Amino acid sequence: MNTKDHDAAKAAPEMFFSNMSMLDLASALSALVSMRTTAGLTSNLANQMKRDDLEDFADALSEALGDQIEAIETELLGRSPLDAADIADRDELLAVAANALRPGEHGANLRIGRVSNG
């Protein structure tokens, strides 16, 4: 990624995500959800260990990752599917994003399957 694209992605992630294919969005979403889960677990552990600075860092990281997940969710909501398979892929990714942002609302253990497998 060149510097111009990197700066644009930081300033307006929704514009960056609009250029990505459904497969790329699935990969990005999967990575973001995994990182957010790790940050959340780190925050919980830091809390138990009374390591406030580490907990604050993990919470801030989790929030920033959540912002990126929300940007992908927004992109998916605005995308017009081309066919039934695209609708199913988009709906699956939306469920994963929603579950990451609002746990328990859409069930646990959702996985990005069919889209990321091609």
PDB file of N, CA and C in Angstrom:
ATOM      1  N   MET A   1       0.856  -1.168   0.000  1.00  0.00           N
ATOM      2  CA  MET A   1       0.000   0.000   0.000  1.00  0.00           C
ATOM      3  C   MET A   1       0.897   1.225   0.000  1.00  0.00           C
ATOM      4  N   ASN A   2       0.591   2.141  -0.894  1.00  0.00           N
ATOM      5  CA  ASN A   2       1.399   3.362  -0.905  1.00  0.00           C
ATOM      6  C   ASN A   2       0.941   4.306   0.207  1.00  0.00           C
ATOM      7  N   THR A   3       1.745   5.320   0.479  1.00  0.00           N
ATOM      8  CA  THR A   3       1.477   6.240   1.583  1.00  0.00           C
ATOM      9  C   THR A   3       0.145   6.959   1.400  1.00  0.00           C
ATOM     10  N   LYS A   4      -0.173   7.334   0.175  1.00  0.00           N
ATOM     11  CA  LYS A   4      -1.428   8.031  -0.097  1.00  0.00           C
ATOM     12  C   LYS A   4      -2.627   7.162   0.287  1.00  0.00           C
ATOM     13  N   ASP A   5      -2.610   5.883  -0.092  1.00  0.00           N
ATOM     14  CA  ASP A   5      -3.698   4.966   0.261  1.00  0.00           C
ATOM     15  C   ASP A   5      -3.774   4.755   1.763  1.00  0.00           C
ATOM     16  N   HIS A   6      -2.597   4.649   2.404  1.00  0.00           N
ATOM     17  CA  HIS A   6      -2.550   4.443   3.849  1.00  0.00           C
ATOM     18  C   HIS A   6      -3.162   5.634   4.579  1.00  0.00           C
ATOM     19  N   ASP A   7      -2.805   6.844   4.169  1.00  0.00           N
ATOM     20  CA  ASP A   7      -3.360   8.050   4.795  1.00  0.00           C
ATOM     21  C   ASP A   7      -4.862   8.141   4.571  1.00  0.00           C
ATOM     22  N   ALA A   8      -5.326   7.780   3.378  1.00  0.00           N
ATOM     23  CA  ALA A   8      -6.761   7.804   3.080  1.00  0.00           C
ATOM     24  C   ALA A   8      -7.498   6.785   3.938  1.00  0.00           C
ATOM     25  N   ALA A   9      -6.902   5.621   4.141  1.00  0.00           N
ATOM     26  CA  ALA A   9      -7.533   4.577   4.951  1.00  0.00           C
ATOM     27  C   ALA A   9      -7.679   5.022   6.400  1.00  0.00           C
ATOM     28  N   LYS A  10      -6.681   5.736   6.908  1.00  0.00           N
ATOM     29  CA  LYS A  10      -6.768   6.228   8.280  1.00  0.00           C
ATOM     30  C   LYS A  10      -7.812   7.331   8.397  1.00  0.00           C
ATOM     31  N   ALA A  11      -7.887   8.194   7.405  1.00  0.00           N
ATOM     32  CA  ALA A  11      -8.799   9.335   7.462  1.00  0.00           C
ATOM     33  C   ALA A  11     -10.246   8.919   7.232  1.00  0.00           C
ATOM     34  N   ALA A  12     -10.470   8.014   6.294  1.00  0.00           N
ATOM     35  CA  ALA A  12     -11.831   7.605   5.938  1.00  0.00           C
ATOM     36  C   ALA A  12     -11.843   6.131   5.573  1.00  0.00           C
ATOM     37  N   PRO A  13     -11.891   5.236   6.581  1.00  0.00           N
ATOM     38  CA  PRO A  13     -11.813   3.809   6.290  1.00  0.00           C
ATOM     39  C   PRO A  13     -12.929   3.316   5.367  1.00  0.00           C
ATOM     40  N   GLU A  14     -14.088   3.969   5.430  1.00  0.00           N
ATOM     41  CA  GLU A  14     -15.189   3.526   4.577  1.00  0.00           C
ATOM     42  C   GLU A  14     -14.864   3.686   3.095  1.00  0.00           C
ATOM     43  N   MET A  15     -14.088   4.706   2.750  1.00  0.00           N
ATOM     44  CA  MET A  15     -13.674   4.886   1.356  1.00  0.00           C
ATOM     45  C   MET A  15     -12.668   3.810   0.959  1.00  0.00           C
ATOM     46  N   PHE A  16     -11.818   3.446   1.877  1.00  0.00           N
ATOM     47  CA  PHE A  16     -10.834   2.403   1.633  1.00  0.00           C
ATOM     48  C   PHE A  16     -11.523   1.060   1.416  1.00  0.00           C
ATOM     49  N   PHE A  17     -12.479   0.733   2.267  1.00  0.00           N
ATOM     50  CA  PHE A  17     -13.167  -0.551   2.174  1.00  0.00           C
ATOM     51  C   PHE A  17     -14.044  -0.648   0.926  1.00  0.00           C
ATOM     52  N   SER A  18     -14.493   0.472   0.398  1.00  0.00           N
ATOM     53  CA  SER A  18     -15.369   0.432  -0.774  1.00  0.00           C
ATOM     54  C   SER A  18     -14.654  -0.116  -2.004  1.00  0.00           C
ATOM     55  N   ASN A  19     -13.336  -0.083  -2.021  1.00  0.00           N
ATOM     56  CA  ASN A  19     -12.562  -0.607  -3.144  1.00  0.00           C
ATOM     57  C   ASN A  19     -12.234  -2.087  -3.003  1.00  0.00           C
ATOM     58  N   MET A  20     -12.600  -2.682  -1.883  1.00  0.00           N
ATOM     59  CA  MET A  20     -12.238  -4.075  -1.629  1.00  0.00           C
ATOM     60  C   MET A  20     -13.312  -5.028  -2.154  1.00  0.00           C
ATOM     61  N   SER A  21     -12.862  -6.191  -2.605  1.00  0.00           N
ATOM     62  CA  SER A  21     -13.787  -7.238  -3.035  1.00  0.00           C
ATOM     63  C   SER A  21     -14.437  -7.868  -1.797  1.00  0.00           C
ATOM     64  N   MET A  22     -15.466  -8.651  -2.009  1.00  0.00           N
ATOM     65  CA  MET A  22     -16.123  -9.337  -0.893  1.00  0.00           C
ATOM     66  C   MET A  22     -15.136 -10.278  -0.199  1.00  0.00           C
ATOM     67  N   LEU A  23     -14.301 -10.939  -0.963  1.00  0.00           N
ATOM     68  CA  LEU A  23     -13.297 -11.839  -0.387  1.00  0.00           C
ATOM     69  C   LEU A  23     -12.301 -11.065   0.469  1.00  0.00           C
ATOM     70  N   ASP A  24     -11.862  -9.907  -0.010  1.00  0.00           N
ATOM     71  CA  ASP A  24     -10.937  -9.084   0.769  1.00  0.00           C
ATOM     72  C   ASP A  24     -11.599  -8.553   2.038  1.00  0.00           C
ATOM     73  N   LEU A  25     -12.859  -8.170   1.934  1.00  0.00           N
ATOM     74  CA  LEU A  25     -13.582  -7.714   3.127  1.00  0.00           C
ATOM     75  C   LEU A  25     -13.709  -8.842   4.145  1.00  0.00           C
ATOM     76  N   ALA A  26     -13.956 -10.059   3.665  1.00  0.00           N
ATOM     77  CA  ALA A  26     -14.054 -11.214   4.568  1.00  0.00           C
ATOM     78  C   ALA A  26     -12.732 -11.437   5.292  1.00  0.00           C
ATOM     79  N   SER A  27     -11.633 -11.346   4.559  1.00  0.00           N
ATOM     80  CA  SER A  27     -10.306 -11.521   5.174  1.00  0.00           C
ATOM     81  C   SER A  27     -10.016 -10.428   6.190  1.00  0.00           C
ATOM     82  N   ALA A  28     -10.304  -9.185   5.814  1.00  0.00           N
ATOM     83  CA  ALA A  28     -10.068  -8.060   6.725  1.00  0.00           C
ATOM     84  C   ALA A  28     -10.935  -8.183   7.973  1.00  0.00           C
ATOM     85  N   LEU A  29     -12.198  -8.536   7.784  1.00  0.00           N
ATOM     86  CA  LEU A  29     -13.110  -8.672   8.923  1.00  0.00           C
ATOM     87  C   LEU A  29     -12.650  -9.786   9.853  1.00  0.00           C
ATOM     88  N   SER A  30     -12.236 -10.899   9.288  1.00  0.00           N
ATOM     89  CA  SER A  30     -11.753 -12.015  10.095  1.00  0.00           C
ATOM     90  C   SER A  30     -10.553 -11.592  10.938  1.00  0.00           C
ATOM     91  N   ALA A  31      -9.613 -10.890  10.323  1.00  0.00           N
ATOM     92  CA  ALA A  31      -8.428 -10.431  11.050  1.00  0.00           C
ATOM     93  C   ALA A  31      -8.804  -9.446  12.151  1.00  0.00           C
ATOM     94  N   LEU A  32      -9.673  -8.496  11.838  1.00  0.00           N
ATOM     95  CA  LEU A  32     -10.075  -7.493  12.824  1.00  0.00           C
ATOM     96  C   LEU A  32     -10.800  -8.120  14.009  1.00  0.00           C
ATOM     97  N   VAL A  33     -11.684  -9.073  13.733  1.00  0.00           N
ATOM     98  CA  VAL A  33     -12.421  -9.732  14.818  1.00  0.00           C
ATOM     99  C   VAL A  33     -11.450 -10.507  15.709  1.00  0.00           C
ATOM    100  N   SER A  34     -10.490 -11.201  15.103  1.00  0.00           N
ATOM    101  CA  SER A  34      -9.503 -11.942  15.897  1.00  0.00           C
ATOM    102  C   SER A  34      -8.660 -11.007  16.765  1.00  0.00           C
ATOM    103  N   MET A  35      -8.216  -9.905  16.171  1.00  0.00           N
ATOM    104  CA  MET A  35      -7.413  -8.943  16.935  1.00  0.00           C
ATOM    105  C   MET A  35      -8.231  -8.325  18.066  1.00  0.00           C
ATOM    106  N   ARG A  36      -9.500  -8.033  17.792  1.00  0.00           N
ATOM    107  CA  ARG A  36     -10.347  -7.423  18.827  1.00  0.00           C
ATOM    108  C   ARG A  36     -10.587  -8.401  19.979  1.00  0.00           C
ATOM    109  N   THR A  37     -10.749  -9.667  19.647  1.00  0.00           N
ATOM    110  CA  THR A  37     -10.917 -10.690  20.682  1.00  0.00           C
ATOM    111  C   THR A  37      -9.669 -10.769  21.553  1.00  0.00           C
ATOM    112  N   THR A  38      -8.508 -10.761  20.917  1.00  0.00           N
ATOM    113  CA  THR A  38      -7.243 -10.806  21.661  1.00  0.00           C
ATOM    114  C   THR A  38      -7.089  -9.571  22.540  1.00  0.00           C
ATOM    115  N   ALA A  39      -7.428  -8.406  22.020  1.00  0.00           N
ATOM    116  CA  ALA A  39      -7.337  -7.175  22.812  1.00  0.00           C
ATOM    117  C   ALA A  39      -8.280  -7.236  24.010  1.00  0.00           C
ATOM    118  N   GLY A  40      -9.475  -7.778  23.807  1.00  0.00           N
ATOM    119  CA  GLY A  40     -10.421  -7.914  24.916  1.00  0.00           C
ATOM    120  C   GLY A  40      -9.914  -8.858  25.996  1.00  0.00           C
ATOM    121  N   LEU A  41      -9.331  -9.972  25.575  1.00  0.00           N
ATOM    122  CA  LEU A  41      -8.771 -10.918  26.541  1.00  0.00           C
ATOM    123  C   LEU A  41      -7.585 -10.305  27.275  1.00  0.00           C
ATOM    124  N   THR A  42      -6.780  -9.544  26.565  1.00  0.00           N
ATOM    125  CA  THR A  42      -5.645  -8.854  27.189  1.00  0.00           C
ATOM    126  C   THR A  42      -6.137  -7.862  28.239  1.00  0.00           C
ATOM    127  N   SER A  43      -7.198  -7.132  27.905  1.00  0.00           N
ATOM    128  CA  SER A  43      -7.773  -6.183  28.853  1.00  0.00           C
ATOM    129  C   SER A  43      -8.264  -6.893  30.112  1.00  0.00           C
ATOM    130  N   ASN A  44      -8.954  -8.007  29.923  1.00  0.00           N
ATOM    131  CA  ASN A  44      -9.461  -8.759  31.082  1.00  0.00           C
ATOM    132  C   ASN A  44      -8.326  -9.265  31.963  1.00  0.00           C
ATOM    133  N   LEU A  45      -7.293  -9.801  31.337  1.00  0.00           N
ATOM    134  CA  LEU A  45      -6.151 -10.300  32.095  1.00  0.00           C
ATOM    135  C   LEU A  45      -5.444  -9.162  32.828  1.00  0.00           C
ATOM    136  N   ALA A  46      -5.250  -8.040  32.138  1.00  0.00           N
ATOM    137  CA  ALA A  46      -4.600  -6.884  32.766  1.00  0.00           C
ATOM    138  C   ALA A  46      -5.410  -6.386  33.954  1.00  0.00           C
ATOM    139  N   ASN A  47      -6.727  -6.423  33.839  1.00  0.00           N
ATOM    140  CA  ASN A  47      -7.593  -6.016  34.944  1.00  0.00           C
ATOM    141  C   ASN A  47      -7.384  -6.920  36.148  1.00  0.00           C
ATOM    142  N   GLN A  48      -7.314  -8.212  35.908  1.00  0.00           N
ATOM    143  CA  GLN A  48      -7.113  -9.167  37.002  1.00  0.00           C
ATOM    144  C   GLN A  48      -5.742  -8.993  37.661  1.00  0.00           C
ATOM    145  N   MET A  49      -4.769  -8.587  36.855  1.00  0.00           N
ATOM    146  CA  MET A  49      -3.412  -8.412  37.355  1.00  0.00           C
ATOM    147  C   MET A  49      -3.193  -7.005  37.925  1.00  0.00           C
ATOM    148  N   LYS A  50      -4.235  -6.167  37.890  1.00  0.00           N
ATOM    149  CA  LYS A  50      -4.140  -4.777  38.374  1.00  0.00           C
ATOM    150  C   LYS A  50      -3.109  -3.975  37.576  1.00  0.00           C
ATOM    151  N   ARG A  51      -3.038  -4.232  36.274  1.00  0.00           N
ATOM    152  CA  ARG A  51      -2.124  -3.512  35.379  1.00  0.00           C
ATOM    153  C   ARG A  51      -2.941  -2.514  34.576  1.00  0.00           C
ATOM    154  N   ASP A  52      -3.244  -1.382  35.207  1.00  0.00           N
ATOM    155  CA  ASP A  52      -4.163  -0.401  34.638  1.00  0.00           C
ATOM    156  C   ASP A  52      -3.707   0.168  33.297  1.00  0.00           C
ATOM    157  N   ASP A  53      -2.422   0.436  33.142  1.00  0.00           N
ATOM    158  CA  ASP A  53      -1.931   1.000  31.876  1.00  0.00           C
ATOM    159  C   ASP A  53      -2.118   0.021  30.725  1.00  0.00           C
ATOM    160  N   LEU A  54      -1.830  -1.243  30.974  1.00  0.00           N
ATOM    161  CA  LEU A  54      -2.011  -2.261  29.944  1.00  0.00           C
ATOM    162  C   LEU A  54      -3.493  -2.443  29.630  1.00  0.00           C
ATOM    163  N   GLU A  55      -4.315  -2.407  30.652  1.00  0.00           N
ATOM    164  CA  GLU A  55      -5.760  -2.521  30.436  1.00  0.00           C
ATOM    165  C   GLU A  55      -6.275  -1.352  29.599  1.00  0.00           C
ATOM    166  N   ASP A  56      -5.824  -0.150  29.908  1.00  0.00           N
ATOM    167  CA  ASP A  56      -6.244   1.031  29.135  1.00  0.00           C
ATOM    168  C   ASP A  56      -5.805   0.918  27.680  1.00  0.00           C
ATOM    169  N   PHE A  57      -4.568   0.458  27.465  1.00  0.00           N
ATOM    170  CA  PHE A  57      -4.069   0.270  26.111  1.00  0.00           C
ATOM    171  C   PHE A  57      -4.936  -0.736  25.348  1.00  0.00           C
ATOM    172  N   ALA A  58      -5.216  -1.869  25.963  1.00  0.00           N
ATOM    173  CA  ALA A  58      -6.010  -2.912  25.312  1.00  0.00           C
ATOM    174  C   ALA A  58      -7.431  -2.423  25.033  1.00  0.00           C
ATOM    175  N   ASP A  59      -8.001  -1.663  25.944  1.00  0.00           N
ATOM    176  CA  ASP A  59      -9.341  -1.118  25.728  1.00  0.00           C
ATOM    177  C   ASP A  59      -9.357  -0.138  24.555  1.00  0.00           C
ATOM    178  N   ALA A  60      -8.340   0.719  24.488  1.00  0.00           N
ATOM    179  CA  ALA A  60      -8.260   1.679  23.380  1.00  0.00           C
ATOM    180  C   ALA A  60      -8.062   0.959  22.051  1.00  0.00           C
ATOM    181  N   LEU A  61      -7.239  -0.070  22.045  1.00  0.00           N
ATOM    182  CA  LEU A  61      -7.020  -0.854  20.833  1.00  0.00           C
ATOM    183  C   LEU A  61      -8.308  -1.548  20.405  1.00  0.00           C
ATOM    184  N   SER A  62      -9.008  -2.118  21.351  1.00  0.00           N
ATOM    185  CA  SER A  62     -10.272  -2.791  21.057  1.00  0.00           C
ATOM    186  C   SER A  62     -11.289  -1.818  20.459  1.00  0.00           C
ATOM    187  N   GLU A  63     -11.327  -0.618  20.996  1.00  0.00           N
ATOM    188  CA  GLU A  63     -12.248   0.399  20.476  1.00  0.00           C
ATOM    189  C   GLU A  63     -11.882   0.794  19.043  1.00  0.00           C
ATOM    190  N   ALA A  64     -10.588   0.967  18.780  1.00  0.00           N
ATOM    191  CA  ALA A  64     -10.141   1.329  17.428  1.00  0.00           C
ATOM    192  C   ALA A  64     -10.449   0.211  16.433  1.00  0.00           C
ATOM    193  N   LEU A  65     -10.247  -1.019  16.846  1.00  0.00           N
ATOM    194  CA  LEU A  65     -10.579  -2.154  15.979  1.00  0.00           C
ATOM    195  C   LEU A  65     -12.084  -2.219  15.738  1.00  0.00           C
ATOM    196  N   GLY A  66     -12.865  -1.905  16.763  1.00  0.00           N
ATOM    197  CA  GLY A  66     -14.318  -1.855  16.619  1.00  0.00           C
ATOM    198  C   GLY A  66     -14.746  -0.818  15.594  1.00  0.00           C
ATOM    199  N   ASP A  67     -14.038   0.304  15.570  1.00  0.00           N
ATOM    200  CA  ASP A  67     -14.344   1.341  14.573  1.00  0.00           C
ATOM    201  C   ASP A  67     -14.132   0.812  13.158  1.00  0.00           C
ATOM    202  N   GLN A  68     -13.073   0.033  12.965  1.00  0.00           N
ATOM    203  CA  GLN A  68     -12.806  -0.544  11.648  1.00  0.00           C
ATOM    204  C   GLN A  68     -13.864  -1.592  11.275  1.00  0.00           C
ATOM    205  N   ILE A  69     -14.273  -2.389  12.255  1.00  0.00           N
ATOM    206  CA  ILE A  69     -15.328  -3.384  12.010  1.00  0.00           C
ATOM    207  C   ILE A  69     -16.622  -2.670  11.633  1.00  0.00           C
ATOM    208  N   GLU A  70     -16.921  -1.574  12.330  1.00  0.00           N
ATOM    209  CA  GLU A  70     -18.116  -0.789  11.988  1.00  0.00           C
ATOM    210  C   GLU A  70     -18.023  -0.227  10.579  1.00  0.00           C
ATOM    211  N   ALA A  71     -16.830   0.192  10.156  1.00  0.00           N
ATOM    212  CA  ALA A  71     -16.656   0.716   8.799  1.00  0.00           C
ATOM    213  C   ALA A  71     -16.926  -0.375   7.761  1.00  0.00           C
ATOM    214  N   ILE A  72     -16.492  -1.601   8.041  1.00  0.00           N
ATOM    215  CA  ILE A  72     -16.789  -2.713   7.134  1.00  0.00           C
ATOM    216  C   ILE A  72     -18.282  -3.001   7.134  1.00  0.00           C
ATOM    217  N   GLU A  73     -18.901  -2.985   8.306  1.00  0.00           N
ATOM    218  CA  GLU A  73     -20.344  -3.215   8.398  1.00  0.00           C
ATOM    219  C   GLU A  73     -21.099  -2.168   7.577  1.00  0.00           C
ATOM    220  N   THR A  74     -20.704  -0.911   7.686  1.00  0.00           N
ATOM    221  CA  THR A  74     -21.333   0.172   6.925  1.00  0.00           C
ATOM    222  C   THR A  74     -21.172  -0.058   5.430  1.00  0.00           C
ATOM    223  N   GLU A  75     -19.975  -0.456   5.024  1.00  0.00           N
ATOM    224  CA  GLU A  75     -19.721  -0.747   3.601  1.00  0.00           C
ATOM    225  C   GLU A  75     -20.613  -1.883   3.110  1.00  0.00           C
ATOM    226  N   LEU A  76     -20.731  -2.932   3.894  1.00  0.00           N
ATOM    227  CA  LEU A  76     -21.552  -4.074   3.493  1.00  0.00           C
ATOM    228  C   LEU A  76     -23.031  -3.696   3.397  1.00  0.00           C
ATOM    229  N   LEU A  77     -23.494  -2.867   4.313  1.00  0.00           N
ATOM    230  CA  LEU A  77     -24.894  -2.438   4.284  1.00  0.00           C
ATOM    231  C   LEU A  77     -25.206  -1.595   3.050  1.00  0.00           C
ATOM    232  N   GLY A  78     -24.220  -0.867   2.571  1.00  0.00           N
ATOM    233  CA  GLY A  78     -24.431  -0.002   1.416  1.00  0.00           C
ATOM    234  C   GLY A  78     -24.182  -0.672   0.084  1.00  0.00           C
ATOM    235  N   ARG A  79     -23.663  -1.873   0.108  1.00  0.00           N
ATOM    236  CA  ARG A  79     -23.325  -2.579  -1.126  1.00  0.00           C
ATOM    237  C   ARG A  79     -24.540  -3.261  -1.725  1.00  0.00           C
ATOM    238  N   SER A  80     -24.696  -3.144  -3.028  1.00  0.00           N
ATOM    239  CA  SER A  80     -25.778  -3.833  -3.735  1.00  0.00           C
ATOM    240  C   SER A  80     -25.281  -5.192  -4.206  1.00  0.00           C
ATOM    241  N   PRO A  81     -25.876  -6.268  -3.707  1.00  0.00           N
ATOM    242  CA  PRO A  81     -25.431  -7.596  -4.128  1.00  0.00           C
ATOM    243  C   PRO A  81     -25.782  -7.850  -5.597  1.00  0.00           C
ATOM    244  N   LEU A  82     -24.936  -8.621  -6.268  1.00  0.00           N
ATOM    245  CA  LEU A  82     -25.148  -8.921  -7.684  1.00  0.00           C
ATOM    246  C   LEU A  82     -26.066 -10.110  -7.889  1.00  0.00           C
ATOM    247  N   ASP A  83     -25.997 -11.093  -7.000  1.00  0.00           N
ATOM    248  CA  ASP A  83     -26.828 -12.282  -7.141  1.00  0.00           C
ATOM    249  C   ASP A  83     -27.102 -12.883  -5.766  1.00  0.00           C
ATOM    250  N   ALA A  84     -27.779 -14.016  -5.759  1.00  0.00           N
ATOM    251  CA  ALA A  84     -28.163 -14.645  -4.487  1.00  0.00           C
ATOM    252  C   ALA A  84     -26.943 -15.026  -3.652  1.00  0.00           C
ATOM    253  N   ALA A  85     -25.877 -15.478  -4.305  1.00  0.00           N
ATOM    254  CA  ALA A  85     -24.673 -15.846  -3.563  1.00  0.00           C
ATOM    255  C   ALA A  85     -24.072 -14.620  -2.872  1.00  0.00           C
ATOM    256  N   ASP A  86     -24.086 -13.479  -3.557  1.00  0.00           N
ATOM    257  CA  ASP A  86     -23.580 -12.250  -2.950  1.00  0.00           C
ATOM    258  C   ASP A  86     -24.418 -11.846  -1.742  1.00  0.00           C
ATOM    259  N   ILE A  87     -25.724 -12.039  -1.843  1.00  0.00           N
ATOM    260  CA  ILE A  87     -26.611 -11.717  -0.712  1.00  0.00           C
ATOM    261  C   ILE A  87     -26.258 -12.588   0.488  1.00  0.00           C
ATOM    262  N   ALA A  88     -26.081 -13.888   0.254  1.00  0.00           N
ATOM    263  CA  ALA A  88     -25.738 -14.803   1.341  1.00  0.00           C
ATOM    264  C   ALA A  88     -24.384 -14.443   1.946  1.00  0.00           C
ATOM    265  N   ASP A  89     -23.400 -14.142   1.097  1.00  0.00           N
ATOM    266  CA  ASP A  89     -22.080 -13.761   1.586  1.00  0.00           C
ATOM    267  C   ASP A  89     -22.153 -12.489   2.412  1.00  0.00           C
ATOM    268  N   ARG A  90     -22.853 -11.496   1.890  1.00  0.00           N
ATOM    269  CA  ARG A  90     -22.972 -10.219   2.595  1.00  0.00           C
ATOM    270  C   ARG A  90     -23.673 -10.409   3.929  1.00  0.00           C
ATOM    271  N   ASP A  91     -24.753 -11.187   3.943  1.00  0.00           N
ATOM    272  CA  ASP A  91     -25.490 -11.401   5.185  1.00  0.00           C
ATOM    273  C   ASP A  91     -24.648 -12.141   6.219  1.00  0.00           C
ATOM    274  N   GLU A  92     -23.842 -13.087   5.766  1.00  0.00           N
ATOM    275  CA  GLU A  92     -22.971 -13.807   6.692  1.00  0.00           C
ATOM    276  C   GLU A  92     -21.930 -12.868   7.295  1.00  0.00           C
ATOM    277  N   LEU A  93     -21.336 -12.028   6.461  1.00  0.00           N
ATOM    278  CA  LEU A  93     -20.345 -11.076   6.962  1.00  0.00           C
ATOM    279  C   LEU A  93     -20.985 -10.051   7.893  1.00  0.00           C
ATOM    280  N   LEU A  94     -22.189  -9.613   7.569  1.00  0.00           N
ATOM    281  CA  LEU A  94     -22.893  -8.678   8.456  1.00  0.00           C
ATOM    282  C   LEU A  94     -23.168  -9.316   9.817  1.00  0.00           C
ATOM    283  N   ALA A  95     -23.525 -10.587   9.821  1.00  0.00           N
ATOM    284  CA  ALA A  95     -23.772 -11.278  11.088  1.00  0.00           C
ATOM    285  C   ALA A  95     -22.496 -11.378  11.920  1.00  0.00           C
ATOM    286  N   VAL A  96     -21.371 -11.665  11.271  1.00  0.00           N
ATOM    287  CA  VAL A  96     -20.095 -11.749  11.979  1.00  0.00           C
ATOM    288  C   VAL A  96     -19.719 -10.382  12.558  1.00  0.00           C
ATOM    289  N   ALA A  97     -19.866  -9.327  11.745  1.00  0.00           N
ATOM    290  CA  ALA A  97     -19.545  -7.979  12.215  1.00  0.00           C
ATOM    291  C   ALA A  97     -20.448  -7.588  13.380  1.00  0.00           C
ATOM    292  N   ALA A  98     -21.743  -7.844  13.238  1.00  0.00           N
ATOM    293  CA  ALA A  98     -22.687  -7.492  14.300  1.00  0.00           C
ATOM    294  C   ALA A  98     -22.386  -8.265  15.580  1.00  0.00           C
ATOM    295  N   ASN A  99     -22.033  -9.538  15.443  1.00  0.00           N
ATOM    296  CA  ASN A  99     -21.708 -10.341  16.618  1.00  0.00           C
ATOM    297  C   ASN A  99     -20.454  -9.816  17.316  1.00  0.00           C
ATOM    298  N   ALA A 100     -19.490  -9.348  16.545  1.00  0.00           N
ATOM    299  CA  ALA A 100     -18.268  -8.798  17.134  1.00  0.00           C
ATOM    300  C   ALA A 100     -18.541  -7.477  17.845  1.00  0.00           C
ATOM    301  N   LEU A 101     -19.433  -6.674  17.277  1.00  0.00           N
ATOM    302  CA  LEU A 101     -19.730  -5.361  17.851  1.00  0.00           C
ATOM    303  C   LEU A 101     -20.768  -5.428  18.963  1.00  0.00           C
ATOM    304  N   ARG A 102     -21.695  -6.365  18.833  1.00  0.00           N
ATOM    305  CA  ARG A 102     -22.790  -6.496  19.802  1.00  0.00           C
ATOM    306  C   ARG A 102     -22.937  -7.969  20.173  1.00  0.00           C
ATOM    307  N   PRO A 103     -22.025  -8.484  21.005  1.00  0.00           N
ATOM    308  CA  PRO A 103     -22.015  -9.922  21.328  1.00  0.00           C
ATOM    309  C   PRO A 103     -23.339 -10.399  21.909  1.00  0.00           C
ATOM    310  N   GLY A 104     -23.696 -11.611  21.520  1.00  0.00           N
ATOM    311  CA  GLY A 104     -24.906 -12.219  22.045  1.00  0.00           C
ATOM    312  C   GLY A 104     -26.153 -11.894  21.268  1.00  0.00           C
ATOM    313  N   GLU A 105     -26.116 -10.832  20.506  1.00  0.00           N
ATOM    314  CA  GLU A 105     -27.299 -10.407  19.762  1.00  0.00           C
ATOM    315  C   GLU A 105     -27.572 -11.321  18.565  1.00  0.00           C
ATOM    316  N   HIS A 106     -26.520 -11.883  17.997  1.00  0.00           N
ATOM    317  CA  HIS A 106     -26.657 -12.695  16.793  1.00  0.00           C
ATOM    318  C   HIS A 106     -26.137 -14.109  16.985  1.00  0.00           C
ATOM    319  N   GLY A 107     -26.020 -14.557  18.229  1.00  0.00           N
ATOM    320  CA  GLY A 107     -25.520 -15.900  18.493  1.00  0.00           C
ATOM    321  C   GLY A 107     -24.009 -15.912  18.637  1.00  0.00           C
ATOM    322  N   ALA A 108     -23.527 -16.962  19.223  1.00  0.00           N
ATOM    323  CA  ALA A 108     -22.088 -17.088  19.437  1.00  0.00           C
ATOM    324  C   ALA A 108     -21.482 -17.971  18.358  1.00  0.00           C
ATOM    325  N   ASN A 109     -20.183 -17.958  18.298  1.00  0.00           N
ATOM    326  CA  ASN A 109     -19.422 -18.844  17.429  1.00  0.00           C
ATOM    327  C   ASN A 109     -19.736 -18.702  15.947  1.00  0.00           C
ATOM    328  N   LEU A 110     -20.058 -17.507  15.485  1.00  0.00           N
ATOM    329  CA  LEU A 110     -20.231 -17.312  14.049  1.00  0.00           C
ATOM    330  C   LEU A 110     -18.878 -17.334  13.379  1.00  0.00           C
ATOM    331  N   ARG A 111     -18.823 -17.895  12.239  1.00  0.00           N
ATOM    332  CA  ARG A 111     -17.562 -17.993  11.504  1.00  0.00           C
ATOM    333  C   ARG A 111     -17.729 -17.464  10.103  1.00  0.00           C
ATOM    334  N   ILE A 112     -16.646 -16.932   9.569  1.00  0.00           N
ATOM    335  CA  ILE A 112     -16.626 -16.524   8.172  1.00  0.00           C
ATOM    336  C   ILE A 112     -16.231 -17.759   7.395  1.00  0.00           C
ATOM    337  N   GLY A 113     -17.176 -18.385   6.758  1.00  0.00           N
ATOM    338  CA  GLY A 113     -16.912 -19.648   6.078  1.00  0.00           C
ATOM    339  C   GLY A 113     -16.894 -19.551   4.585  1.00  0.00           C
ATOM    340  N   ARG A 114     -18.055 -19.572   3.988  1.00  0.00           N
ATOM    341  CA  ARG A 114     -18.182 -19.694   2.552  1.00  0.00           C
ATOM    342  C   ARG A 114     -17.483 -18.565   1.817  1.00  0.00           C
ATOM    343  N   VAL A 115     -17.575 -17.335   2.294  1.00  0.00           N
ATOM    344  CA  VAL A 115     -16.970 -16.205   1.597  1.00  0.00           C
ATOM    345  C   VAL A 115     -15.458 -16.325   1.572  1.00  0.00           C
ATOM    346  N   SER A 116     -14.857 -16.615   2.709  1.00  0.00           N
ATOM    347  CA  SER A 116     -13.398 -16.647   2.763  1.00  0.00           C
ATOM    348  C   SER A 116     -12.822 -17.884   2.088  1.00  0.00           C
ATOM    349  N   ASN A 117     -13.648 -18.878   1.865  1.00  0.00           N
ATOM    350  CA  ASN A 117     -13.179 -20.077   1.178  1.00  0.00           C
ATOM    351  C   ASN A 117     -13.377 -19.991  -0.333  1.00  0.00           C
ATOM    352  N   GLY A 118     -13.992 -18.909  -0.792  1.00  0.00           N
ATOM    353  CA  GLY A 118     -14.173 -18.693  -2.230  1.00  0.00           C
ATOM    354  C   GLY A 118     -15.338 -19.318  -2.718  1.00  0.00           C
TER     355      GLY A 118
END
